């Protein structure tokens, strides 16, 4: 095709077999687009394309719909992205509607019969590792082969401190569940292959108790930091031949993943609690914790006795 459509936040360059989406880095551009930079999307990764009236008068929206399973970022997001952060949405001036309509028609003609079917592999590249971000209870990093959780003194539960920092090889994993930090209960949970699937009588642990999960919060696990990592891990898991059952994204409102401990999380002893409170006191005296933060964490630990 060789045409280019420049719109709000991004521009689309149409080639013979793919579209190159280049994202702007403006002040008002979603930070997720800053991280993505640019993405090449093969036409075989798309299921449909359409043109609709825009959010403001004098604008139109060109939007492509990826096939299920074709894009690890969309698969990990599981419908939780805001409309303004949708990487497949291009807002254009109404003056370009005729050009956009013609390109949409050409693109639809190029999709082919597989457009109606789920993809059997990822066709769009995930953000490349290394990637890392800070959750409320720990730091998460991914180097392409291993996901590492390093717990924070001020945020991690006693159950997580009991088992210590965690490392998960891609080959151990069956999938990833990402729940947006912009909703209550945001978290990232790794689904381990040896524990994938329901187990009668065993309820999933809450994310703050699960050593294969980290909890988000205000200022922690931000979309532009945690979602690219989740997508990158998901892509690596798929490439490593993870359990096909893990390809179905879990509903975002339902915590996924089995219990990490057969009989529930290990209970902290009074000595454990006393040691944790003493360490928190040291952080407080050093000025690394406010009075309120120290008091809240101390009360949380005492409640576990």
C-alpha atoms as a PDB file:
ATOM      1  CA  UNK A   1       0.000   0.000   0.000  1.00  0.00           C
ATOM      2  CA  UNK A   2       2.723   2.456   0.995  1.00  0.00           C
ATOM      3  CA  UNK A   3       0.325   4.980   2.571  1.00  0.00           C
ATOM      4  CA  UNK A   4       0.712   6.741   5.912  1.00  0.00           C
ATOM      5  CA  UNK A   5      -2.049   7.958   8.231  1.00  0.00           C
ATOM      6  CA  UNK A   6      -0.895  10.360  10.957  1.00  0.00           C
ATOM      7  CA  UNK A   7      -3.336  10.820  13.809  1.00  0.00           C
ATOM      8  CA  UNK A   8      -3.485  11.667  17.479  1.00  0.00           C
ATOM      9  CA  UNK A   9      -0.778   9.851  19.465  1.00  0.00           C
ATOM     10  CA  UNK A  10       0.372   7.621  16.590  1.00  0.00           C
ATOM     11  CA  UNK A  11       0.843   7.170  12.852  1.00  0.00           C
ATOM     12  CA  UNK A  12       0.187   4.064  10.763  1.00  0.00           C
ATOM     13  CA  UNK A  13       2.376   3.153   7.811  1.00  0.00           C
ATOM     14  CA  UNK A  14       0.763   0.545   5.559  1.00  0.00           C
ATOM     15  CA  UNK A  15       2.988  -1.987   3.799  1.00  0.00           C
ATOM     16  CA  UNK A  16       2.137  -4.915   1.535  1.00  0.00           C
ATOM     17  CA  UNK A  17       1.763  -7.416   4.395  1.00  0.00           C
ATOM     18  CA  UNK A  18       1.796  -5.395   7.627  1.00  0.00           C
ATOM     19  CA  UNK A  19       1.175  -2.040   9.252  1.00  0.00           C
ATOM     20  CA  UNK A  20       3.894  -0.257  11.210  1.00  0.00           C
ATOM     21  CA  UNK A  21       2.420   1.709  14.129  1.00  0.00           C
ATOM     22  CA  UNK A  22       4.666   4.451  15.462  1.00  0.00           C
ATOM     23  CA  UNK A  23       3.585   5.997  18.766  1.00  0.00           C
ATOM     24  CA  UNK A  24       4.188   9.637  19.661  1.00  0.00           C
ATOM     25  CA  UNK A  25       5.946  10.621  22.882  1.00  0.00           C
ATOM     26  CA  UNK A  26       4.036  13.803  23.633  1.00  0.00           C
ATOM     27  CA  UNK A  27       3.054  15.083  27.061  1.00  0.00           C
ATOM     28  CA  UNK A  28      -0.566  14.003  26.558  1.00  0.00           C
ATOM     29  CA  UNK A  29       0.307  10.643  25.036  1.00  0.00           C
ATOM     30  CA  UNK A  30      -0.323   7.609  27.291  1.00  0.00           C
ATOM     31  CA  UNK A  31       2.928   6.426  28.862  1.00  0.00           C
ATOM     32  CA  UNK A  32       2.223   2.928  27.576  1.00  0.00           C
ATOM     33  CA  UNK A  33       2.744   4.276  24.046  1.00  0.00           C
ATOM     34  CA  UNK A  34       6.090   5.756  25.117  1.00  0.00           C
ATOM     35  CA  UNK A  35       7.208   2.303  26.207  1.00  0.00           C
ATOM     36  CA  UNK A  36       5.930   0.552  23.081  1.00  0.00           C
ATOM     37  CA  UNK A  37       7.688   2.962  20.725  1.00  0.00           C
ATOM     38  CA  UNK A  38       6.602   1.236  17.541  1.00  0.00           C
ATOM     39  CA  UNK A  39       4.987  -2.082  16.650  1.00  0.00           C
ATOM     40  CA  UNK A  40       4.796  -3.964  13.372  1.00  0.00           C
ATOM     41  CA  UNK A  41       1.482  -5.767  13.041  1.00  0.00           C
ATOM     42  CA  UNK A  42       1.165  -8.369  10.248  1.00  0.00           C
ATOM     43  CA  UNK A  43      -2.208  -8.323   8.524  1.00  0.00           C
ATOM     44  CA  UNK A  44      -2.599 -11.996   9.419  1.00  0.00           C
ATOM     45  CA  UNK A  45      -2.706 -10.897  13.090  1.00  0.00           C
ATOM     46  CA  UNK A  46      -5.927  -8.921  12.504  1.00  0.00           C
ATOM     47  CA  UNK A  47      -9.532 -10.072  12.522  1.00  0.00           C
ATOM     48  CA  UNK A  48     -11.247  -6.861  11.381  1.00  0.00           C
ATOM     49  CA  UNK A  49     -10.860  -3.134  10.793  1.00  0.00           C
ATOM     50  CA  UNK A  50     -13.466  -0.401  10.942  1.00  0.00           C
ATOM     51  CA  UNK A  51     -14.006   3.351  10.766  1.00  0.00           C
ATOM     52  CA  UNK A  52     -16.316   5.138  13.218  1.00  0.00           C
ATOM     53  CA  UNK A  53     -17.060   8.722  14.356  1.00  0.00           C
ATOM     54  CA  UNK A  54     -14.400  10.090  16.681  1.00  0.00           C
ATOM     55  CA  UNK A  55     -14.635  11.161  20.344  1.00  0.00           C
ATOM     56  CA  UNK A  56     -14.700  14.821  19.347  1.00  0.00           C
ATOM     57  CA  UNK A  57     -16.437  16.666  16.582  1.00  0.00           C
ATOM     58  CA  UNK A  58     -14.355  16.728  13.441  1.00  0.00           C
ATOM     59  CA  UNK A  59     -12.589  13.424  14.119  1.00  0.00           C
ATOM     60  CA  UNK A  60     -12.929   9.798  13.030  1.00  0.00           C
ATOM     61  CA  UNK A  61     -11.449   6.624  14.488  1.00  0.00           C
ATOM     62  CA  UNK A  62      -9.755   3.863  12.520  1.00  0.00           C
ATOM     63  CA  UNK A  63      -9.551   0.765  14.667  1.00  0.00           C
ATOM     64  CA  UNK A  64      -8.181  -2.683  13.966  1.00  0.00           C
ATOM     65  CA  UNK A  65      -9.158  -5.736  16.009  1.00  0.00           C
ATOM     66  CA  UNK A  66      -6.423  -8.321  16.602  1.00  0.00           C
ATOM     67  CA  UNK A  67      -7.222 -12.019  16.392  1.00  0.00           C
ATOM     68  CA  UNK A  68      -7.479 -13.728  19.795  1.00  0.00           C
ATOM     69  CA  UNK A  69      -4.044 -14.986  20.760  1.00  0.00           C
ATOM     70  CA  UNK A  70      -2.163 -12.984  18.123  1.00  0.00           C
ATOM     71  CA  UNK A  71      -0.870 -10.177  20.348  1.00  0.00           C
ATOM     72  CA  UNK A  72       0.586 -10.969  23.811  1.00  0.00           C
ATOM     73  CA  UNK A  73       0.032  -7.391  24.994  1.00  0.00           C
ATOM     74  CA  UNK A  74      -3.689  -7.490  24.193  1.00  0.00           C
ATOM     75  CA  UNK A  75      -3.939 -11.026  25.546  1.00  0.00           C
ATOM     76  CA  UNK A  76      -2.359 -10.020  28.858  1.00  0.00           C
ATOM     77  CA  UNK A  77      -4.504  -6.875  29.099  1.00  0.00           C
ATOM     78  CA  UNK A  78      -7.675  -8.998  28.714  1.00  0.00           C
ATOM     79  CA  UNK A  79      -9.878  -6.017  27.862  1.00  0.00           C
ATOM     80  CA  UNK A  80      -8.728  -3.844  30.781  1.00  0.00           C
ATOM     81  CA  UNK A  81      -7.025  -1.031  28.842  1.00  0.00           C
ATOM     82  CA  UNK A  82      -8.680   2.341  28.639  1.00  0.00           C
ATOM     83  CA  UNK A  83      -9.891   3.315  25.195  1.00  0.00           C
ATOM     84  CA  UNK A  84      -7.299   6.084  24.999  1.00  0.00           C
ATOM     85  CA  UNK A  85      -4.519   3.533  25.629  1.00  0.00           C
ATOM     86  CA  UNK A  86      -5.683   1.103  22.944  1.00  0.00           C
ATOM     87  CA  UNK A  87      -2.690   0.565  20.606  1.00  0.00           C
ATOM     88  CA  UNK A  88      -5.038  -0.448  17.759  1.00  0.00           C
ATOM     89  CA  UNK A  89      -7.025   2.806  17.805  1.00  0.00           C
ATOM     90  CA  UNK A  90      -6.070   5.744  15.571  1.00  0.00           C
ATOM     91  CA  UNK A  91      -7.915   9.071  15.971  1.00  0.00           C
ATOM     92  CA  UNK A  92      -7.831  11.131  12.761  1.00  0.00           C
ATOM     93  CA  UNK A  93      -9.080  14.522  11.563  1.00  0.00           C
ATOM     94  CA  UNK A  94     -12.338  14.163   9.657  1.00  0.00           C
ATOM     95  CA  UNK A  95     -10.556  15.601   6.600  1.00  0.00           C
ATOM     96  CA  UNK A  96      -8.760  12.257   6.271  1.00  0.00           C
ATOM     97  CA  UNK A  97     -11.908  10.159   6.474  1.00  0.00           C
ATOM     98  CA  UNK A  98     -11.965   9.397   2.751  1.00  0.00           C
ATOM     99  CA  UNK A  99      -8.341   8.213   2.759  1.00  0.00           C
ATOM    100  CA  UNK A 100      -8.876   6.210   5.940  1.00  0.00           C
ATOM    101  CA  UNK A 101     -11.999   4.585   4.503  1.00  0.00           C
ATOM    102  CA  UNK A 102     -10.156   3.510   1.357  1.00  0.00           C
ATOM    103  CA  UNK A 103      -7.270   2.069   3.377  1.00  0.00           C
ATOM    104  CA  UNK A 104      -9.665   0.256   5.688  1.00  0.00           C
ATOM    105  CA  UNK A 105     -11.312  -1.332   2.668  1.00  0.00           C
ATOM    106  CA  UNK A 106      -7.945  -2.433   1.261  1.00  0.00           C
ATOM    107  CA  UNK A 107      -6.940  -3.811   4.641  1.00  0.00           C
ATOM    108  CA  UNK A 108     -10.153  -5.803   4.982  1.00  0.00           C
ATOM    109  CA  UNK A 109      -9.498  -7.332   1.564  1.00  0.00           C
ATOM    110  CA  UNK A 110      -6.020  -8.382   2.720  1.00  0.00           C
ATOM    111  CA  UNK A 111      -7.124 -10.173   5.874  1.00  0.00           C
ATOM    112  CA  UNK A 112      -8.019 -13.520   4.344  1.00  0.00           C
ATOM    113  CA  UNK A 113     -10.063 -16.465   5.682  1.00  0.00           C
ATOM    114  CA  UNK A 114      -7.996 -16.989   8.859  1.00  0.00           C
ATOM    115  CA  UNK A 115      -9.139 -13.609  10.213  1.00  0.00           C
ATOM    116  CA  UNK A 116     -12.161 -15.235  11.849  1.00  0.00           C
ATOM    117  CA  UNK A 117     -10.059 -17.830  13.690  1.00  0.00           C
ATOM    118  CA  UNK A 118      -7.947 -17.541  16.858  1.00  0.00           C
ATOM    119  CA  UNK A 119      -4.214 -17.418  16.202  1.00  0.00           C
ATOM    120  CA  UNK A 120      -2.223 -20.522  17.126  1.00  0.00           C
ATOM    121  CA  UNK A 121       0.827 -18.402  17.978  1.00  0.00           C
ATOM    122  CA  UNK A 122       1.767 -14.825  18.747  1.00  0.00           C
ATOM    123  CA  UNK A 123       2.136 -12.826  15.553  1.00  0.00           C
ATOM    124  CA  UNK A 124       2.963  -9.445  17.118  1.00  0.00           C
ATOM    125  CA  UNK A 125       6.176  -9.070  19.107  1.00  0.00           C
ATOM    126  CA  UNK A 126       5.991  -8.416  22.833  1.00  0.00           C
ATOM    127  CA  UNK A 127       8.090  -5.686  24.468  1.00  0.00           C
ATOM    128  CA  UNK A 128      11.610  -7.161  24.718  1.00  0.00           C
ATOM    129  CA  UNK A 129      13.285  -7.924  28.064  1.00  0.00           C
ATOM    130  CA  UNK A 130      14.950  -7.017  30.314  1.00  0.00           C
ATOM    131  CA  UNK A 131      11.966  -5.443  32.035  1.00  0.00           C
ATOM    132  CA  UNK A 132      11.222  -4.591  35.649  1.00  0.00           C
ATOM    133  CA  UNK A 133       8.828  -2.622  37.837  1.00  0.00           C
ATOM    134  CA  UNK A 134       8.019  -1.976  41.486  1.00  0.00           C
ATOM    135  CA  UNK A 135       4.860  -3.474  42.939  1.00  0.00           C
ATOM    136  CA  UNK A 136       3.594  -2.564  46.421  1.00  0.00           C
ATOM    137  CA  UNK A 137       5.120  -5.634  48.030  1.00  0.00           C
ATOM    138  CA  UNK A 138       8.151  -6.319  45.860  1.00  0.00           C
ATOM    139  CA  UNK A 139      10.239  -5.658  42.793  1.00  0.00           C
ATOM    140  CA  UNK A 140       9.557  -7.748  39.678  1.00  0.00           C
ATOM    141  CA  UNK A 141      12.160  -8.322  36.973  1.00  0.00           C
ATOM    142  CA  UNK A 142      12.257 -10.444  33.832  1.00  0.00           C
ATOM    143  CA  UNK A 143      15.440 -11.127  31.863  1.00  0.00           C
ATOM    144  CA  UNK A 144      13.868 -13.251  29.129  1.00  0.00           C
ATOM    145  CA  UNK A 145      14.349 -16.546  30.940  1.00  0.00           C
ATOM    146  CA  UNK A 146      13.513 -15.953  34.597  1.00  0.00           C
ATOM    147  CA  UNK A 147      10.918 -13.917  36.498  1.00  0.00           C
ATOM    148  CA  UNK A 148      12.250 -12.751  39.861  1.00  0.00           C
ATOM    149  CA  UNK A 149      10.305 -11.383  42.846  1.00  0.00           C
ATOM    150  CA  UNK A 150      12.277  -9.522  45.516  1.00  0.00           C
ATOM    151  CA  UNK A 151      10.073  -8.689  48.497  1.00  0.00           C
ATOM    152  CA  UNK A 152       9.974  -5.265  50.188  1.00  0.00           C
ATOM    153  CA  UNK A 153      10.106  -5.055  53.970  1.00  0.00           C
ATOM    154  CA  UNK A 154       7.379  -2.447  54.088  1.00  0.00           C
ATOM    155  CA  UNK A 155       4.862  -4.131  51.818  1.00  0.00           C
ATOM    156  CA  UNK A 156       5.237  -7.908  51.708  1.00  0.00           C
ATOM    157  CA  UNK A 157       3.130 -10.133  53.933  1.00  0.00           C
ATOM    158  CA  UNK A 158       4.646 -12.475  56.499  1.00  0.00           C
ATOM    159  CA  UNK A 159       3.670 -15.427  54.267  1.00  0.00           C
ATOM    160  CA  UNK A 160       5.909 -14.076  51.507  1.00  0.00           C
ATOM    161  CA  UNK A 161       8.762 -13.348  53.872  1.00  0.00           C
ATOM    162  CA  UNK A 162       8.435 -16.888  55.175  1.00  0.00           C
ATOM    163  CA  UNK A 163       9.210 -18.401  51.757  1.00  0.00           C
ATOM    164  CA  UNK A 164      11.699 -15.697  50.749  1.00  0.00           C
ATOM    165  CA  UNK A 165      12.428 -14.081  47.389  1.00  0.00           C
ATOM    166  CA  UNK A 166      11.202 -16.102  44.420  1.00  0.00           C
ATOM    167  CA  UNK A 167      12.548 -16.994  40.967  1.00  0.00           C
ATOM    168  CA  UNK A 168      10.493 -18.707  38.246  1.00  0.00           C
ATOM    169  CA  UNK A 169      11.964 -20.048  35.020  1.00  0.00           C
ATOM    170  CA  UNK A 170       9.852 -19.613  31.916  1.00  0.00           C
ATOM    171  CA  UNK A 171       9.671 -23.393  31.554  1.00  0.00           C
ATOM    172  CA  UNK A 172       7.949 -23.620  34.953  1.00  0.00           C
ATOM    173  CA  UNK A 173       5.104 -21.332  33.932  1.00  0.00           C
ATOM    174  CA  UNK A 174       1.786 -21.938  32.177  1.00  0.00           C
ATOM    175  CA  UNK A 175       0.609 -18.340  31.962  1.00  0.00           C
ATOM    176  CA  UNK A 176       0.263 -14.893  33.517  1.00  0.00           C
ATOM    177  CA  UNK A 177      -2.737 -13.058  34.943  1.00  0.00           C
ATOM    178  CA  UNK A 178      -2.574  -9.262  34.997  1.00  0.00           C
ATOM    179  CA  UNK A 179      -5.231  -7.240  36.803  1.00  0.00           C
ATOM    180  CA  UNK A 180      -4.939  -3.536  36.091  1.00  0.00           C
ATOM    181  CA  UNK A 181      -3.569  -1.268  38.843  1.00  0.00           C
ATOM    182  CA  UNK A 182      -6.346   1.159  37.908  1.00  0.00           C
ATOM    183  CA  UNK A 183      -8.952  -1.057  39.605  1.00  0.00           C
ATOM    184  CA  UNK A 184      -9.274  -2.401  43.139  1.00  0.00           C
ATOM    185  CA  UNK A 185      -7.255  -5.546  43.680  1.00  0.00           C
ATOM    186  CA  UNK A 186      -4.687  -4.957  40.945  1.00  0.00           C
ATOM    187  CA  UNK A 187      -1.959  -7.584  40.817  1.00  0.00           C
ATOM    188  CA  UNK A 188       0.242  -9.765  38.632  1.00  0.00           C
ATOM    189  CA  UNK A 189       0.100 -13.508  39.211  1.00  0.00           C
ATOM    190  CA  UNK A 190       2.213 -16.232  37.611  1.00  0.00           C
ATOM    191  CA  UNK A 191       0.465 -19.508  36.835  1.00  0.00           C
ATOM    192  CA  UNK A 192       2.828 -22.424  37.391  1.00  0.00           C
ATOM    193  CA  UNK A 193       2.610 -25.432  35.097  1.00  0.00           C
ATOM    194  CA  UNK A 194       2.669 -28.032  37.867  1.00  0.00           C
ATOM    195  CA  UNK A 195      -0.277 -26.323  39.550  1.00  0.00           C
ATOM    196  CA  UNK A 196      -2.313 -25.272  36.520  1.00  0.00           C
ATOM    197  CA  UNK A 197      -6.000 -26.087  36.619  1.00  0.00           C
ATOM    198  CA  UNK A 198      -8.580 -26.392  39.423  1.00  0.00           C
ATOM    199  CA  UNK A 199      -7.899 -28.491  42.467  1.00  0.00           C
ATOM    200  CA  UNK A 200     -10.948 -29.651  44.470  1.00  0.00           C
ATOM    201  CA  UNK A 201     -11.002 -28.249  47.985  1.00  0.00           C
ATOM    202  CA  UNK A 202      -8.202 -25.755  47.411  1.00  0.00           C
ATOM    203  CA  UNK A 203      -9.105 -22.123  47.036  1.00  0.00           C
ATOM    204  CA  UNK A 204      -6.658 -19.725  45.361  1.00  0.00           C
ATOM    205  CA  UNK A 205      -4.582 -17.652  47.739  1.00  0.00           C
ATOM    206  CA  UNK A 206      -5.131 -13.932  47.879  1.00  0.00           C
ATOM    207  CA  UNK A 207      -2.410 -12.161  45.863  1.00  0.00           C
ATOM    208  CA  UNK A 208      -0.840 -10.676  48.999  1.00  0.00           C
ATOM    209  CA  UNK A 209      -0.349 -14.217  50.350  1.00  0.00           C
ATOM    210  CA  UNK A 210       0.689 -15.932  47.111  1.00  0.00           C
ATOM    211  CA  UNK A 211       4.484 -16.097  46.561  1.00  0.00           C
ATOM    212  CA  UNK A 212       3.816 -16.324  42.806  1.00  0.00           C
ATOM    213  CA  UNK A 213       2.020 -12.953  42.788  1.00  0.00           C
ATOM    214  CA  UNK A 214       2.712  -9.293  43.492  1.00  0.00           C
ATOM    215  CA  UNK A 215       0.200  -6.679  44.581  1.00  0.00           C
ATOM    216  CA  UNK A 216      -0.250  -3.295  42.922  1.00  0.00           C
ATOM    217  CA  UNK A 217      -1.326  -0.089  44.622  1.00  0.00           C
ATOM    218  CA  UNK A 218      -1.307   3.672  44.307  1.00  0.00           C
ATOM    219  CA  UNK A 219       1.846   4.445  42.329  1.00  0.00           C
ATOM    220  CA  UNK A 220       2.897   0.781  42.136  1.00  0.00           C
ATOM    221  CA  UNK A 221       2.614  -1.596  39.180  1.00  0.00           C
ATOM    222  CA  UNK A 222       1.636   1.185  36.779  1.00  0.00           C
ATOM    223  CA  UNK A 223       0.108   0.083  33.479  1.00  0.00           C
ATOM    224  CA  UNK A 224       3.033   1.204  31.343  1.00  0.00           C
ATOM    225  CA  UNK A 225       5.439  -0.717  33.608  1.00  0.00           C
ATOM    226  CA  UNK A 226       3.603  -3.898  34.596  1.00  0.00           C
ATOM    227  CA  UNK A 227       1.650  -4.700  31.420  1.00  0.00           C
ATOM    228  CA  UNK A 228       4.683  -4.799  29.071  1.00  0.00           C
ATOM    229  CA  UNK A 229       6.410  -7.165  31.499  1.00  0.00           C
ATOM    230  CA  UNK A 230       3.309  -9.382  31.720  1.00  0.00           C
ATOM    231  CA  UNK A 231       3.103  -9.483  27.917  1.00  0.00           C
ATOM    232  CA  UNK A 232       6.806 -10.291  27.581  1.00  0.00           C
ATOM    233  CA  UNK A 233       6.526 -13.164  30.070  1.00  0.00           C
ATOM    234  CA  UNK A 234       3.401 -14.459  28.333  1.00  0.00           C
ATOM    235  CA  UNK A 235       5.173 -14.439  24.972  1.00  0.00           C
ATOM    236  CA  UNK A 236       8.175 -16.293  26.415  1.00  0.00           C
ATOM    237  CA  UNK A 237       5.903 -18.875  28.047  1.00  0.00           C
ATOM    238  CA  UNK A 238       4.084 -19.465  24.766  1.00  0.00           C
ATOM    239  CA  UNK A 239       7.367 -19.773  22.878  1.00  0.00           C
ATOM    240  CA  UNK A 240       8.607 -22.289  25.438  1.00  0.00           C
ATOM    241  CA  UNK A 241       5.604 -24.506  24.747  1.00  0.00           C
ATOM    242  CA  UNK A 242       3.439 -23.805  27.774  1.00  0.00           C
ATOM    243  CA  UNK A 243       0.258 -25.743  28.446  1.00  0.00           C
ATOM    244  CA  UNK A 244      -2.243 -24.793  25.699  1.00  0.00           C
ATOM    245  CA  UNK A 245      -4.935 -24.404  28.343  1.00  0.00           C
ATOM    246  CA  UNK A 246      -3.084 -21.345  29.623  1.00  0.00           C
ATOM    247  CA  UNK A 247      -3.752 -19.509  26.363  1.00  0.00           C
ATOM    248  CA  UNK A 248      -7.266 -18.614  27.432  1.00  0.00           C
ATOM    249  CA  UNK A 249      -6.978 -15.321  29.374  1.00  0.00           C
ATOM    250  CA  UNK A 250      -8.602 -15.411  32.782  1.00  0.00           C
ATOM    251  CA  UNK A 251     -11.487 -13.005  33.466  1.00  0.00           C
ATOM    252  CA  UNK A 252      -9.840  -9.899  34.923  1.00  0.00           C
ATOM    253  CA  UNK A 253     -12.098  -9.751  37.971  1.00  0.00           C
ATOM    254  CA  UNK A 254     -11.463 -13.353  39.036  1.00  0.00           C
ATOM    255  CA  UNK A 255      -8.152 -14.181  40.744  1.00  0.00           C
ATOM    256  CA  UNK A 256      -6.476 -17.091  38.958  1.00  0.00           C
ATOM    257  CA  UNK A 257      -3.901 -19.569  40.069  1.00  0.00           C
ATOM    258  CA  UNK A 258      -3.967 -22.392  42.592  1.00  0.00           C
ATOM    259  CA  UNK A 259      -2.847 -22.337  46.188  1.00  0.00           C
ATOM    260  CA  UNK A 260       0.883 -22.291  46.685  1.00  0.00           C
ATOM    261  CA  UNK A 261       0.632 -24.086  50.018  1.00  0.00           C
ATOM    262  CA  UNK A 262      -1.463 -27.278  50.402  1.00  0.00           C
ATOM    263  CA  UNK A 263      -2.702 -26.317  53.876  1.00  0.00           C
ATOM    264  CA  UNK A 264      -2.812 -22.555  53.434  1.00  0.00           C
ATOM    265  CA  UNK A 265      -0.057 -19.966  54.022  1.00  0.00           C
ATOM    266  CA  UNK A 266       2.431 -20.705  56.796  1.00  0.00           C
ATOM    267  CA  UNK A 267       1.534 -19.028  60.065  1.00  0.00           C
ATOM    268  CA  UNK A 268       4.094 -16.652  61.507  1.00  0.00           C
ATOM    269  CA  UNK A 269       5.415 -17.355  64.984  1.00  0.00           C
ATOM    270  CA  UNK A 270       5.584 -14.640  67.684  1.00  0.00           C
ATOM    271  CA  UNK A 271       9.363 -14.614  67.197  1.00  0.00           C
ATOM    272  CA  UNK A 272       8.905 -13.952  63.472  1.00  0.00           C
ATOM    273  CA  UNK A 273       6.532 -11.076  64.204  1.00  0.00           C
ATOM    274  CA  UNK A 274       8.845  -9.574  66.818  1.00  0.00           C
ATOM    275  CA  UNK A 275      11.768  -9.721  64.402  1.00  0.00           C
ATOM    276  CA  UNK A 276       9.746  -8.038  61.648  1.00  0.00           C
ATOM    277  CA  UNK A 277       8.582  -5.265  64.002  1.00  0.00           C
ATOM    278  CA  UNK A 278      12.175  -4.703  65.164  1.00  0.00           C
ATOM    279  CA  UNK A 279      13.326  -4.346  61.549  1.00  0.00           C
ATOM    280  CA  UNK A 280      10.459  -1.959  60.793  1.00  0.00           C
ATOM    281  CA  UNK A 281      11.501   0.068  63.841  1.00  0.00           C
ATOM    282  CA  UNK A 282      15.004   0.383  62.431  1.00  0.00           C
ATOM    283  CA  UNK A 283      13.610   1.666  59.132  1.00  0.00           C
ATOM    284  CA  UNK A 284      11.395   4.110  61.036  1.00  0.00           C
ATOM    285  CA  UNK A 285      14.282   5.435  63.093  1.00  0.00           C
ATOM    286  CA  UNK A 286      16.319   5.864  59.906  1.00  0.00           C
ATOM    287  CA  UNK A 287      13.568   8.040  58.457  1.00  0.00           C
ATOM    288  CA  UNK A 288      12.633   5.554  55.743  1.00  0.00           C
ATOM    289  CA  UNK A 289       9.120   5.067  57.146  1.00  0.00           C
ATOM    290  CA  UNK A 290       6.685   7.733  58.309  1.00  0.00           C
ATOM    291  CA  UNK A 291       4.918   7.413  61.662  1.00  0.00           C
ATOM    292  CA  UNK A 292       1.702   6.421  59.890  1.00  0.00           C
ATOM    293  CA  UNK A 293       3.417   3.806  57.718  1.00  0.00           C
ATOM    294  CA  UNK A 294       5.197   2.304  60.716  1.00  0.00           C
ATOM    295  CA  UNK A 295       2.010   2.227  62.792  1.00  0.00           C
ATOM    296  CA  UNK A 296      -0.069   0.646  60.027  1.00  0.00           C
ATOM    297  CA  UNK A 297       2.487  -2.066  59.272  1.00  0.00           C
ATOM    298  CA  UNK A 298       3.032  -2.812  62.950  1.00  0.00           C
ATOM    299  CA  UNK A 299      -0.726  -3.192  63.483  1.00  0.00           C
ATOM    300  CA  UNK A 300      -0.916  -5.531  60.481  1.00  0.00           C
ATOM    301  CA  UNK A 301       1.841  -7.735  61.893  1.00  0.00           C
ATOM    302  CA  UNK A 302       0.328  -7.828  65.388  1.00  0.00           C
ATOM    303  CA  UNK A 303      -2.996  -8.893  63.891  1.00  0.00           C
ATOM    304  CA  UNK A 304      -1.310 -12.054  62.612  1.00  0.00           C
ATOM    305  CA  UNK A 305      -0.572 -13.271  66.152  1.00  0.00           C
END
